[in-house]
C-alpha atoms as a PDB file:
ATOM      1  CA  UNK A   1     100.116  34.508  61.338  1.00  0.00           C
ATOM      2  CA  UNK A   2     103.976  35.391  60.828  1.00  0.00           C
ATOM      3  CA  UNK A   3     106.297  37.611  63.070  1.00  0.00           C
ATOM      4  CA  UNK A   4     109.136  40.139  63.219  1.00  0.00           C
ATOM      5  CA  UNK A   5     112.619  39.192  64.029  1.00  0.00           C
ATOM      6  CA  UNK A   6     113.208  37.517  67.115  1.00  0.00           C
ATOM      7  CA  UNK A   7     117.227  37.231  67.059  1.00  0.00           C
ATOM      8  CA  UNK A   8     119.721  38.881  64.779  1.00  0.00           C
ATOM      9  CA  UNK A   9     120.438  37.188  61.686  1.00  0.00           C
ATOM     10  CA  UNK A  10     123.988  36.100  60.535  1.00  0.00           C
ATOM     11  CA  UNK A  11     126.034  38.826  58.770  1.00  0.00           C
ATOM     12  CA  UNK A  12     125.902  38.909  54.911  1.00  0.00           C
ATOM     13  CA  UNK A  13     128.511  36.473  53.384  1.00  0.00           C
ATOM     14  CA  UNK A  14     128.041  37.226  49.749  1.00  0.00           C
ATOM     15  CA  UNK A  15     127.404  40.506  47.814  1.00  0.00           C
ATOM     16  CA  UNK A  16     123.856  39.287  46.364  1.00  0.00           C
ATOM     17  CA  UNK A  17     122.455  36.310  48.250  1.00  0.00           C
ATOM     18  CA  UNK A  18     119.929  35.973  45.551  1.00  0.00           C
ATOM     19  CA  UNK A  19     122.506  35.092  42.956  1.00  0.00           C
ATOM     20  CA  UNK A  20     124.054  32.885  45.327  1.00  0.00           C
ATOM     21  CA  UNK A  21     120.926  31.066  45.911  1.00  0.00           C
ATOM     22  CA  UNK A  22     119.882  31.214  42.485  1.00  0.00           C
ATOM     23  CA  UNK A  23     116.803  33.079  43.251  1.00  0.00           C
ATOM     24  CA  UNK A  24     113.499  32.531  45.479  1.00  0.00           C
ATOM     25  CA  UNK A  25     111.747  29.499  46.824  1.00  0.00           C
ATOM     26  CA  UNK A  26     108.961  28.358  44.717  1.00  0.00           C
ATOM     27  CA  UNK A  27     109.317  31.154  42.104  1.00  0.00           C
ATOM     28  CA  UNK A  28     112.810  30.330  40.436  1.00  0.00           C
ATOM     29  CA  UNK A  29     113.023  26.404  39.423  1.00  0.00           C
ATOM     30  CA  UNK A  30     116.915  26.566  40.035  1.00  0.00           C
ATOM     31  CA  UNK A  31     116.699  27.868  43.475  1.00  0.00           C
ATOM     32  CA  UNK A  32     119.507  26.314  45.476  1.00  0.00           C
ATOM     33  CA  UNK A  33     117.507  24.795  48.304  1.00  0.00           C
ATOM     34  CA  UNK A  34     120.281  22.357  49.452  1.00  0.00           C
ATOM     35  CA  UNK A  35     122.748  25.383  49.763  1.00  0.00           C
ATOM     36  CA  UNK A  36     120.357  27.330  51.912  1.00  0.00           C
ATOM     37  CA  UNK A  37     119.788  24.446  54.223  1.00  0.00           C
ATOM     38  CA  UNK A  38     123.392  24.166  54.699  1.00  0.00           C
ATOM     39  CA  UNK A  39     123.702  27.448  55.520  1.00  0.00           C
ATOM     40  CA  UNK A  40     120.813  27.397  58.268  1.00  0.00           C
ATOM     41  CA  UNK A  41     122.523  24.152  59.720  1.00  0.00           C
ATOM     42  CA  UNK A  42     125.695  25.888  60.096  1.00  0.00           C
ATOM     43  CA  UNK A  43     123.795  29.138  61.813  1.00  0.00           C
ATOM     44  CA  UNK A  44     122.002  26.761  63.993  1.00  0.00           C
ATOM     45  CA  UNK A  45     125.238  25.004  64.962  1.00  0.00           C
ATOM     46  CA  UNK A  46     127.315  28.011  65.858  1.00  0.00           C
ATOM     47  CA  UNK A  47     123.995  29.339  67.873  1.00  0.00           C
ATOM     48  CA  UNK A  48     123.657  26.271  69.770  1.00  0.00           C
ATOM     49  CA  UNK A  49     127.619  26.311  70.637  1.00  0.00           C
ATOM     50  CA  UNK A  50     127.342  29.781  71.900  1.00  0.00           C
ATOM     51  CA  UNK A  51     124.881  28.432  74.370  1.00  0.00           C
ATOM     52  CA  UNK A  52     126.588  25.434  75.204  1.00  0.00           C
ATOM     53  CA  UNK A  53     123.703  23.617  73.846  1.00  0.00           C
ATOM     54  CA  UNK A  54     124.781  21.443  70.878  1.00  0.00           C
ATOM     55  CA  UNK A  55     123.256  18.081  72.120  1.00  0.00           C
ATOM     56  CA  UNK A  56     126.287  16.123  71.021  1.00  0.00           C
ATOM     57  CA  UNK A  57     125.441  16.741  67.433  1.00  0.00           C
ATOM     58  CA  UNK A  58     128.417  16.961  64.843  1.00  0.00           C
ATOM     59  CA  UNK A  59     128.716  20.068  62.691  1.00  0.00           C
ATOM     60  CA  UNK A  60     128.097  18.307  59.537  1.00  0.00           C
ATOM     61  CA  UNK A  61     124.685  16.366  60.944  1.00  0.00           C
ATOM     62  CA  UNK A  62     122.627  18.431  58.449  1.00  0.00           C
ATOM     63  CA  UNK A  63     119.569  16.577  58.854  1.00  0.00           C
ATOM     64  CA  UNK A  64     119.713  16.960  62.785  1.00  0.00           C
ATOM     65  CA  UNK A  65     120.176  20.411  62.599  1.00  0.00           C
ATOM     66  CA  UNK A  66     117.188  20.853  60.320  1.00  0.00           C
ATOM     67  CA  UNK A  67     114.816  18.815  62.492  1.00  0.00           C
ATOM     68  CA  UNK A  68     111.554  20.747  63.314  1.00  0.00           C
ATOM     69  CA  UNK A  69     112.234  19.920  67.050  1.00  0.00           C
ATOM     70  CA  UNK A  70     115.709  21.306  67.106  1.00  0.00           C
ATOM     71  CA  UNK A  71     114.479  24.476  64.969  1.00  0.00           C
ATOM     72  CA  UNK A  72     111.815  25.429  67.604  1.00  0.00           C
ATOM     73  CA  UNK A  73     114.246  24.640  70.707  1.00  0.00           C
ATOM     74  CA  UNK A  74     116.890  27.113  69.217  1.00  0.00           C
ATOM     75  CA  UNK A  75     114.133  29.690  68.419  1.00  0.00           C
ATOM     76  CA  UNK A  76     113.093  29.885  72.043  1.00  0.00           C
ATOM     77  CA  UNK A  77     109.485  30.338  70.477  1.00  0.00           C
ATOM     78  CA  UNK A  78     106.390  30.805  72.655  1.00  0.00           C
ATOM     79  CA  UNK A  79     104.136  27.859  73.172  1.00  0.00           C
ATOM     80  CA  UNK A  80     101.953  26.701  70.042  1.00  0.00           C
ATOM     81  CA  UNK A  81      98.440  27.004  70.023  1.00  0.00           C
ATOM     82  CA  UNK A  82      98.041  23.789  68.432  1.00  0.00           C
ATOM     83  CA  UNK A  83      96.872  19.907  68.847  1.00  0.00           C
ATOM     84  CA  UNK A  84      97.993  16.965  66.842  1.00  0.00           C
ATOM     85  CA  UNK A  85      96.518  16.242  63.656  1.00  0.00           C
ATOM     86  CA  UNK A  86      94.570  12.956  63.155  1.00  0.00           C
ATOM     87  CA  UNK A  87      95.982  10.063  61.069  1.00  0.00           C
ATOM     88  CA  UNK A  88      93.465  11.085  58.261  1.00  0.00           C
ATOM     89  CA  UNK A  89      94.566  14.588  58.327  1.00  0.00           C
ATOM     90  CA  UNK A  90      98.112  13.690  58.086  1.00  0.00           C
ATOM     91  CA  UNK A  91      97.323  11.528  55.015  1.00  0.00           C
ATOM     92  CA  UNK A  92      95.519  14.632  53.593  1.00  0.00           C
ATOM     93  CA  UNK A  93      98.640  16.799  53.910  1.00  0.00           C
ATOM     94  CA  UNK A  94     100.477  14.322  52.319  1.00  0.00           C
ATOM     95  CA  UNK A  95      98.124  14.207  49.268  1.00  0.00           C
ATOM     96  CA  UNK A  96      98.095  17.839  49.169  1.00  0.00           C
ATOM     97  CA  UNK A  97     102.094  18.130  48.742  1.00  0.00           C
ATOM     98  CA  UNK A  98     101.942  15.092  46.341  1.00  0.00           C
ATOM     99  CA  UNK A  99      99.377  16.959  44.487  1.00  0.00           C
ATOM    100  CA  UNK A 100     101.505  20.398  44.408  1.00  0.00           C
ATOM    101  CA  UNK A 101     104.448  18.468  43.178  1.00  0.00           C
ATOM    102  CA  UNK A 102     102.470  17.177  40.476  1.00  0.00           C
ATOM    103  CA  UNK A 103     101.238  20.309  39.307  1.00  0.00           C
ATOM    104  CA  UNK A 104     104.650  22.126  39.436  1.00  0.00           C
ATOM    105  CA  UNK A 105     107.327  19.230  39.510  1.00  0.00           C
ATOM    106  CA  UNK A 106     109.998  21.735  40.312  1.00  0.00           C
ATOM    107  CA  UNK A 107     108.805  22.252  43.712  1.00  0.00           C
ATOM    108  CA  UNK A 108     109.099  18.631  44.734  1.00  0.00           C
ATOM    109  CA  UNK A 109     112.296  19.370  46.821  1.00  0.00           C
ATOM    110  CA  UNK A 110     110.810  22.504  48.475  1.00  0.00           C
ATOM    111  CA  UNK A 111     107.735  20.308  49.572  1.00  0.00           C
ATOM    112  CA  UNK A 112     109.818  18.092  51.116  1.00  0.00           C
ATOM    113  CA  UNK A 113     111.298  20.270  53.967  1.00  0.00           C
ATOM    114  CA  UNK A 114     111.184  18.876  57.346  1.00  0.00           C
ATOM    115  CA  UNK A 115     107.918  20.333  58.815  1.00  0.00           C
ATOM    116  CA  UNK A 116     105.464  19.231  61.507  1.00  0.00           C
ATOM    117  CA  UNK A 117     102.037  19.973  60.839  1.00  0.00           C
ATOM    118  CA  UNK A 118      99.369  20.502  63.521  1.00  0.00           C
ATOM    119  CA  UNK A 119      96.152  21.404  64.370  1.00  0.00           C
ATOM    120  CA  UNK A 120      95.468  25.037  64.952  1.00  0.00           C
ATOM    121  CA  UNK A 121      93.831  25.471  68.463  1.00  0.00           C
ATOM    122  CA  UNK A 122      91.504  26.825  69.483  1.00  0.00           C
ATOM    123  CA  UNK A 123      90.006  27.025  66.079  1.00  0.00           C
ATOM    124  CA  UNK A 124      87.563  29.717  64.546  1.00  0.00           C
ATOM    125  CA  UNK A 125      90.188  32.282  63.579  1.00  0.00           C
ATOM    126  CA  UNK A 126      92.878  32.065  61.031  1.00  0.00           C
ATOM    127  CA  UNK A 127      92.644  29.408  58.434  1.00  0.00           C
ATOM    128  CA  UNK A 128      96.408  28.423  58.819  1.00  0.00           C
ATOM    129  CA  UNK A 129      99.586  29.899  60.582  1.00  0.00           C
ATOM    130  CA  UNK A 130     102.789  30.110  60.597  1.00  0.00           C
ATOM    131  CA  UNK A 131     105.584  32.152  62.781  1.00  0.00           C
ATOM    132  CA  UNK A 132     109.169  32.275  63.061  1.00  0.00           C
ATOM    133  CA  UNK A 133     108.849  31.675  66.585  1.00  0.00           C
ATOM    134  CA  UNK A 134     107.758  28.115  65.536  1.00  0.00           C
ATOM    135  CA  UNK A 135     110.167  27.379  62.447  1.00  0.00           C
ATOM    136  CA  UNK A 136     109.281  24.510  60.657  1.00  0.00           C
ATOM    137  CA  UNK A 137     106.153  23.957  62.241  1.00  0.00           C
ATOM    138  CA  UNK A 138     102.403  24.701  60.283  1.00  0.00           C
ATOM    139  CA  UNK A 139      99.285  25.152  62.028  1.00  0.00           C
ATOM    140  CA  UNK A 140      96.363  24.281  59.858  1.00  0.00           C
ATOM    141  CA  UNK A 141      92.601  25.111  60.915  1.00  0.00           C
ATOM    142  CA  UNK A 142      89.793  22.442  60.357  1.00  0.00           C
ATOM    143  CA  UNK A 143      88.739  24.822  57.665  1.00  0.00           C
ATOM    144  CA  UNK A 144      91.917  23.987  55.732  1.00  0.00           C
ATOM    145  CA  UNK A 145      90.712  20.630  55.376  1.00  0.00           C
ATOM    146  CA  UNK A 146      87.215  21.592  53.781  1.00  0.00           C
ATOM    147  CA  UNK A 147      88.369  20.732  50.202  1.00  0.00           C
ATOM    148  CA  UNK A 148      91.758  19.413  48.472  1.00  0.00           C
ATOM    149  CA  UNK A 149      92.129  22.557  46.487  1.00  0.00           C
ATOM    150  CA  UNK A 150      91.780  24.741  49.771  1.00  0.00           C
ATOM    151  CA  UNK A 151      94.445  22.499  51.469  1.00  0.00           C
ATOM    152  CA  UNK A 152      96.847  22.717  48.610  1.00  0.00           C
ATOM    153  CA  UNK A 153      96.700  26.471  48.934  1.00  0.00           C
ATOM    154  CA  UNK A 154      97.189  26.574  52.665  1.00  0.00           C
ATOM    155  CA  UNK A 155     100.335  24.162  52.670  1.00  0.00           C
ATOM    156  CA  UNK A 156     101.619  26.100  49.885  1.00  0.00           C
ATOM    157  CA  UNK A 157     101.005  29.271  51.725  1.00  0.00           C
ATOM    158  CA  UNK A 158     102.467  28.225  55.014  1.00  0.00           C
ATOM    159  CA  UNK A 159     105.895  26.419  53.309  1.00  0.00           C
ATOM    160  CA  UNK A 160     106.266  29.735  51.275  1.00  0.00           C
ATOM    161  CA  UNK A 161     106.390  31.607  54.937  1.00  0.00           C
ATOM    162  CA  UNK A 162     108.863  28.848  56.250  1.00  0.00           C
ATOM    163  CA  UNK A 163     111.240  28.930  53.581  1.00  0.00           C
ATOM    164  CA  UNK A 164     111.438  32.483  53.660  1.00  0.00           C
ATOM    165  CA  UNK A 165     112.164  32.201  57.599  1.00  0.00           C
ATOM    166  CA  UNK A 166     114.855  29.862  56.955  1.00  0.00           C
ATOM    167  CA  UNK A 167     116.496  32.781  54.645  1.00  0.00           C
ATOM    168  CA  UNK A 168     115.834  35.299  57.243  1.00  0.00           C
ATOM    169  CA  UNK A 169     117.968  33.085  59.543  1.00  0.00           C
ATOM    170  CA  UNK A 170     120.785  33.729  57.468  1.00  0.00           C
ATOM    171  CA  UNK A 171     120.236  36.921  56.069  1.00  0.00           C
ATOM    172  CA  UNK A 172     118.289  39.975  57.434  1.00  0.00           C
ATOM    173  CA  UNK A 173     115.597  41.486  55.219  1.00  0.00           C
ATOM    174  CA  UNK A 174     114.867  44.720  57.043  1.00  0.00           C
ATOM    175  CA  UNK A 175     116.792  46.923  59.354  1.00  0.00           C
ATOM    176  CA  UNK A 176     116.230  46.743  63.454  1.00  0.00           C
ATOM    177  CA  UNK A 177     114.720  50.170  63.176  1.00  0.00           C
ATOM    178  CA  UNK A 178     112.189  49.542  60.044  1.00  0.00           C
ATOM    179  CA  UNK A 179     108.849  51.020  60.957  1.00  0.00           C
ATOM    180  CA  UNK A 180     105.648  48.947  61.022  1.00  0.00           C
ATOM    181  CA  UNK A 181     103.335  48.838  58.108  1.00  0.00           C
ATOM    182  CA  UNK A 182      99.794  48.077  57.447  1.00  0.00           C
ATOM    183  CA  UNK A 183      99.237  45.376  55.001  1.00  0.00           C
ATOM    184  CA  UNK A 184      96.659  45.937  51.991  1.00  0.00           C
ATOM    185  CA  UNK A 185      94.161  43.616  54.133  1.00  0.00           C
ATOM    186  CA  UNK A 186      93.933  46.022  56.645  1.00  0.00           C
ATOM    187  CA  UNK A 187      96.123  44.321  59.194  1.00  0.00           C
ATOM    188  CA  UNK A 188      98.285  46.736  61.312  1.00  0.00           C
ATOM    189  CA  UNK A 189     101.832  46.316  62.941  1.00  0.00           C
ATOM    190  CA  UNK A 190     103.509  44.230  60.538  1.00  0.00           C
ATOM    191  CA  UNK A 191     107.249  44.705  59.884  1.00  0.00           C
ATOM    192  CA  UNK A 192     108.724  45.022  56.257  1.00  0.00           C
ATOM    193  CA  UNK A 193     109.854  41.231  56.240  1.00  0.00           C
ATOM    194  CA  UNK A 194     106.314  40.333  56.862  1.00  0.00           C
ATOM    195  CA  UNK A 195     105.011  42.575  53.990  1.00  0.00           C
ATOM    196  CA  UNK A 196     107.697  40.878  51.844  1.00  0.00           C
ATOM    197  CA  UNK A 197     106.378  37.495  53.132  1.00  0.00           C
ATOM    198  CA  UNK A 198     102.925  38.516  52.011  1.00  0.00           C
ATOM    199  CA  UNK A 199     104.005  39.602  48.610  1.00  0.00           C
ATOM    200  CA  UNK A 200     105.922  36.239  47.985  1.00  0.00           C
ATOM    201  CA  UNK A 201     103.071  34.013  49.129  1.00  0.00           C
ATOM    202  CA  UNK A 202     100.464  35.924  46.881  1.00  0.00           C
ATOM    203  CA  UNK A 203     103.093  35.724  43.931  1.00  0.00           C
ATOM    204  CA  UNK A 204     103.559  31.763  44.625  1.00  0.00           C
ATOM    205  CA  UNK A 205      99.895  31.399  44.908  1.00  0.00           C
ATOM    206  CA  UNK A 206      99.646  33.139  41.552  1.00  0.00           C
ATOM    207  CA  UNK A 207     102.011  30.620  39.883  1.00  0.00           C
ATOM    208  CA  UNK A 208      99.823  27.699  41.338  1.00  0.00           C
ATOM    209  CA  UNK A 209      96.606  28.822  39.969  1.00  0.00           C
ATOM    210  CA  UNK A 210      98.122  29.499  36.622  1.00  0.00           C
ATOM    211  CA  UNK A 211      99.682  25.850  36.625  1.00  0.00           C
ATOM    212  CA  UNK A 212      95.833  24.511  37.022  1.00  0.00           C
ATOM    213  CA  UNK A 213      93.528  23.723  34.573  1.00  0.00           C
ATOM    214  CA  UNK A 214      91.055  25.921  36.073  1.00  0.00           C
ATOM    215  CA  UNK A 215      92.955  29.170  36.560  1.00  0.00           C
ATOM    216  CA  UNK A 216      90.199  31.034  38.691  1.00  0.00           C
ATOM    217  CA  UNK A 217      90.292  34.297  37.074  1.00  0.00           C
ATOM    218  CA  UNK A 218      88.825  36.201  40.301  1.00  0.00           C
ATOM    219  CA  UNK A 219      91.144  34.680  42.649  1.00  0.00           C
ATOM    220  CA  UNK A 220      94.060  35.562  40.250  1.00  0.00           C
ATOM    221  CA  UNK A 221      92.815  39.057  40.289  1.00  0.00           C
ATOM    222  CA  UNK A 222      92.554  39.043  44.092  1.00  0.00           C
ATOM    223  CA  UNK A 223      96.010  37.644  44.542  1.00  0.00           C
ATOM    224  CA  UNK A 224      97.575  40.018  42.035  1.00  0.00           C
ATOM    225  CA  UNK A 225      95.886  43.313  43.659  1.00  0.00           C
ATOM    226  CA  UNK A 226      97.258  42.192  47.085  1.00  0.00           C
ATOM    227  CA  UNK A 227     100.648  41.622  46.026  1.00  0.00           C
ATOM    228  CA  UNK A 228     100.725  45.002  44.155  1.00  0.00           C
ATOM    229  CA  UNK A 229      99.695  46.509  47.380  1.00  0.00           C
ATOM    230  CA  UNK A 230     102.200  45.001  49.212  1.00  0.00           C
ATOM    231  CA  UNK A 231     105.207  45.793  46.772  1.00  0.00           C
ATOM    232  CA  UNK A 232     103.728  49.566  46.703  1.00  0.00           C
ATOM    233  CA  UNK A 233     104.334  49.643  50.127  1.00  0.00           C
ATOM    234  CA  UNK A 234     107.733  48.235  50.229  1.00  0.00           C
ATOM    235  CA  UNK A 235     108.855  50.588  47.475  1.00  0.00           C
ATOM    236  CA  UNK A 236     108.009  53.413  49.847  1.00  0.00           C
ATOM    237  CA  UNK A 237     110.477  52.389  52.328  1.00  0.00           C
ATOM    238  CA  UNK A 238     113.664  51.323  50.565  1.00  0.00           C
ATOM    239  CA  UNK A 239     115.549  52.745  53.656  1.00  0.00           C
ATOM    240  CA  UNK A 240     114.192  50.145  56.085  1.00  0.00           C
ATOM    241  CA  UNK A 241     115.182  47.249  53.760  1.00  0.00           C
ATOM    242  CA  UNK A 242     118.665  45.490  53.649  1.00  0.00           C
ATOM    243  CA  UNK A 243     120.188  44.870  50.181  1.00  0.00           C
ATOM    244  CA  UNK A 244     118.662  41.381  50.188  1.00  0.00           C
ATOM    245  CA  UNK A 245     115.429  42.784  51.256  1.00  0.00           C
ATOM    246  CA  UNK A 246     115.740  45.392  48.056  1.00  0.00           C
ATOM    247  CA  UNK A 247     116.687  42.251  46.134  1.00  0.00           C
ATOM    248  CA  UNK A 248     113.588  40.176  47.261  1.00  0.00           C
ATOM    249  CA  UNK A 249     111.184  43.129  46.396  1.00  0.00           C
ATOM    250  CA  UNK A 250     112.943  43.734  42.740  1.00  0.00           C
ATOM    251  CA  UNK A 251     112.592  39.666  42.115  1.00  0.00           C
ATOM    252  CA  UNK A 252     108.885  39.714  43.110  1.00  0.00           C
ATOM    253  CA  UNK A 253     108.231  42.887  40.976  1.00  0.00           C
ATOM    254  CA  UNK A 254     109.717  40.877  38.147  1.00  0.00           C
ATOM    255  CA  UNK A 255     107.625  37.912  38.711  1.00  0.00           C
ATOM    256  CA  UNK A 256     104.469  39.871  38.032  1.00  0.00           C
END
């Protein structure tokens, strides 16, 4: 579960944001997460000032502006279909993040993003969920806890979405008039930014499985086909993407 644009992103401040950020999260080890988080905090501060709702927070209070509770408040999102995780489930999420950091040490900082994890409710649909309406919140279904490997994949999947949502708070990936698309899975009504997100997740998961001793060729084949299908869709609509959207697509193609 993702979501199309909710509010206009801030205008571009550099010619090529991907150069300014040194790449894409989870794909480029030099990715400047701190620079992005500083930009997001500034955007949130400006948005709160316009509403007269800074809550007394200082402009330089980076940690406060990046808190999940404040992120949701500023997003004006709908209520989340969620319940709290149990203490044991919180422990499993911590173990999953630690396992991912051990597999790919360069991800350690990205995995430390302030995120509130909750149990997806009612259960029985998606195995995990994220939405731009609920920034820095990840919902996990009971099935996500079936095995450590499954939980690692779902946590990484949703954190990939969360980092892309942060980028979208600063730069648009698509133009407001962009047409909706149908994902290779058959899911319709998706905006181009969501298709970019799907291709990004698939590429990140491919890196995860290649970093494991058990590469699971069948799973790698599924992910590669899905990513290629997403990129094929995006290549057909270059006019619907912004400069950074097209740059994202080019970088994902290079990551094949």
